[in-house]
Protein backbone atom coordinates (compact mmCIF):
# COMPACT_ATOMS: atom_id res chain seq x y z
CA UNK A 1 96.46 97.32 133.34
CA UNK A 2 93.06 96.12 132.55
CA UNK A 3 92.58 97.01 128.77
CA UNK A 4 90.75 96.23 125.71
CA UNK A 5 92.25 97.12 122.23
CA UNK A 6 90.15 97.01 119.10
CA UNK A 7 91.50 96.73 115.78
CA UNK A 8 90.47 95.96 112.09
CA UNK A 9 88.52 99.16 110.90
CA UNK A 10 89.25 100.97 107.98
CA UNK A 11 87.73 102.32 104.69
CA UNK A 12 85.57 99.75 102.78
CA UNK A 13 83.03 100.11 99.89
CA UNK A 14 79.37 99.65 100.50
CA UNK A 15 78.66 95.98 100.36
CA UNK A 16 81.97 94.85 101.49
CA UNK A 17 83.01 93.15 104.78
CA UNK A 18 85.28 93.67 107.84
CA UNK A 19 86.19 91.72 110.95
CA UNK A 20 86.87 93.70 113.69
CA UNK A 21 89.06 92.31 116.73
CA UNK A 22 89.01 92.94 120.50
CA UNK A 23 92.01 91.79 122.45
CA UNK A 24 91.97 91.81 126.35
CA UNK A 25 95.09 92.54 128.46
CA UNK A 26 95.47 92.49 132.33
CA UNK A 27 92.59 90.19 132.73
CA UNK A 28 91.07 87.02 131.16
CA UNK A 29 87.64 86.90 129.32
CA UNK A 30 86.37 83.64 131.07
CA UNK A 31 83.97 85.59 133.32
CA UNK A 32 83.04 88.42 131.15
CA UNK A 33 80.50 89.29 128.65
CA UNK A 34 81.57 91.13 125.78
CA UNK A 35 79.60 93.84 123.99
CA UNK A 36 80.14 95.80 120.74
CA UNK A 37 78.96 99.27 120.58
CA UNK A 38 79.39 102.11 117.82
CA UNK A 39 79.11 105.88 117.72
CA UNK A 40 78.53 107.54 114.41
CA UNK A 41 79.62 111.16 113.97
CA UNK A 42 77.27 113.39 115.87
CA UNK A 43 75.25 110.46 117.08
CA UNK A 44 74.54 108.73 120.66
CA UNK A 45 76.62 105.58 121.37
CA UNK A 46 74.52 102.47 120.31
CA UNK A 47 74.77 99.02 121.13
CA UNK A 48 75.01 96.44 118.33
CA UNK A 49 75.75 92.98 119.78
CA UNK A 50 77.00 90.97 122.91
CA UNK A 51 78.04 87.60 123.77
CA UNK A 52 77.91 85.67 127.08
CA UNK A 53 80.83 83.99 128.57
CA UNK A 54 78.96 80.91 130.04
CA UNK A 55 77.48 79.30 126.90
CA UNK A 56 78.47 81.88 124.20
CA UNK A 57 75.01 82.87 123.28
CA UNK A 58 74.56 86.12 121.36
CA UNK A 59 72.32 89.18 121.02
CA UNK A 60 72.08 91.73 118.35
CA UNK A 61 70.37 94.94 117.76
CA UNK A 62 67.44 94.95 115.03
CA UNK A 63 69.40 97.39 112.99
CA UNK A 64 72.54 94.92 112.43
CA UNK A 65 70.85 91.58 112.93
CA UNK A 66 71.62 89.23 109.97
CA UNK A 67 74.65 91.27 109.07
CA UNK A 68 76.82 91.23 111.98
CA UNK A 69 78.28 88.14 113.58
CA UNK A 70 79.95 88.18 117.17
CA UNK A 71 82.26 85.38 118.19
CA UNK A 72 84.93 84.92 121.18
CA UNK A 73 88.11 82.79 121.66
CA UNK A 74 88.91 82.92 125.39
CA UNK A 75 92.22 81.11 125.19
CA UNK A 76 93.26 83.90 122.73
CA UNK A 77 91.76 86.67 124.87
CA UNK A 78 89.97 87.77 121.57
CA UNK A 79 86.38 88.84 120.62
CA UNK A 80 85.53 89.43 117.05
CA UNK A 81 82.66 91.24 115.16
CA UNK A 82 82.43 90.13 111.67
CA UNK A 83 80.24 92.94 109.53
CA UNK A 84 79.00 91.82 106.31
CA UNK A 85 76.95 93.90 103.54
CA UNK A 86 78.27 97.17 104.82
CA UNK A 87 76.23 100.37 104.32
CA UNK A 88 77.28 103.67 104.62
CA UNK A 89 75.25 104.18 107.81
CA UNK A 90 77.56 101.57 109.34
CA UNK A 91 80.10 104.42 109.50
CA UNK A 92 81.32 104.83 112.94
CA UNK A 93 83.83 104.34 115.84
CA UNK A 94 83.35 100.68 117.06
CA UNK A 95 84.17 99.88 120.63
CA UNK A 96 84.19 96.58 122.62
CA UNK A 97 83.38 96.46 126.31
CA UNK A 98 83.48 93.76 129.16
CA UNK A 99 80.91 93.36 131.78
CA UNK A 100 81.68 90.76 134.80
CA UNK A 101 78.83 89.30 136.78
CA UNK A 102 75.71 87.20 136.17
CA UNK A 103 76.73 84.80 133.43
CA UNK A 104 73.03 85.07 132.02
CA UNK A 105 73.33 88.76 131.37
CA UNK A 106 73.94 90.28 127.95
CA UNK A 107 72.49 93.57 126.85
CA UNK A 108 72.46 97.18 125.98
CA UNK A 109 72.94 98.64 129.47
CA UNK A 110 76.34 100.66 129.34
CA UNK A 111 76.41 100.84 133.07
CA UNK A 112 76.93 97.16 133.42
CA UNK A 113 80.26 97.10 131.28
CA UNK A 114 83.36 97.49 133.35
CA UNK A 115 85.90 98.01 130.83
CA UNK A 116 85.90 99.57 127.36
CA UNK A 117 88.32 99.91 124.50
CA UNK A 118 89.54 102.93 122.55
CA UNK A 119 87.65 102.24 119.58
CA UNK A 120 88.49 101.51 116.05
CA UNK A 121 86.99 103.48 113.17
CA UNK A 122 84.96 102.22 110.33
CA UNK A 123 84.50 104.13 107.33
CA UNK A 124 82.10 102.85 104.65
CA UNK A 125 82.21 104.90 101.39
CA UNK A 126 82.73 104.72 97.78
């Protein structure tokens, strides 16, 4: 089946917080780096964060650094993205993606990710 399913999106006011979840099925997360991407209406797909599978270290896009936190729980087949101090420009469909291979790699290259979720919509508005 090999699927990733995101959840946790919704409507939130500016300054609020959300925690997005990504659950794997059909495979385990132990050997996959996980990335989060987002696509705002009419915009290109944007990489926001990733987490490695070997040591759990993380990277963030400059646009979200300090407000977004990525984490993972391999036993539960879950990856999370906490978003604090939400801004209207954070409005987008958020996707998680899994990349198998070099345990040191974690980044924005979409071609390196093998599996993608269907997305969960985040709307930041008053």
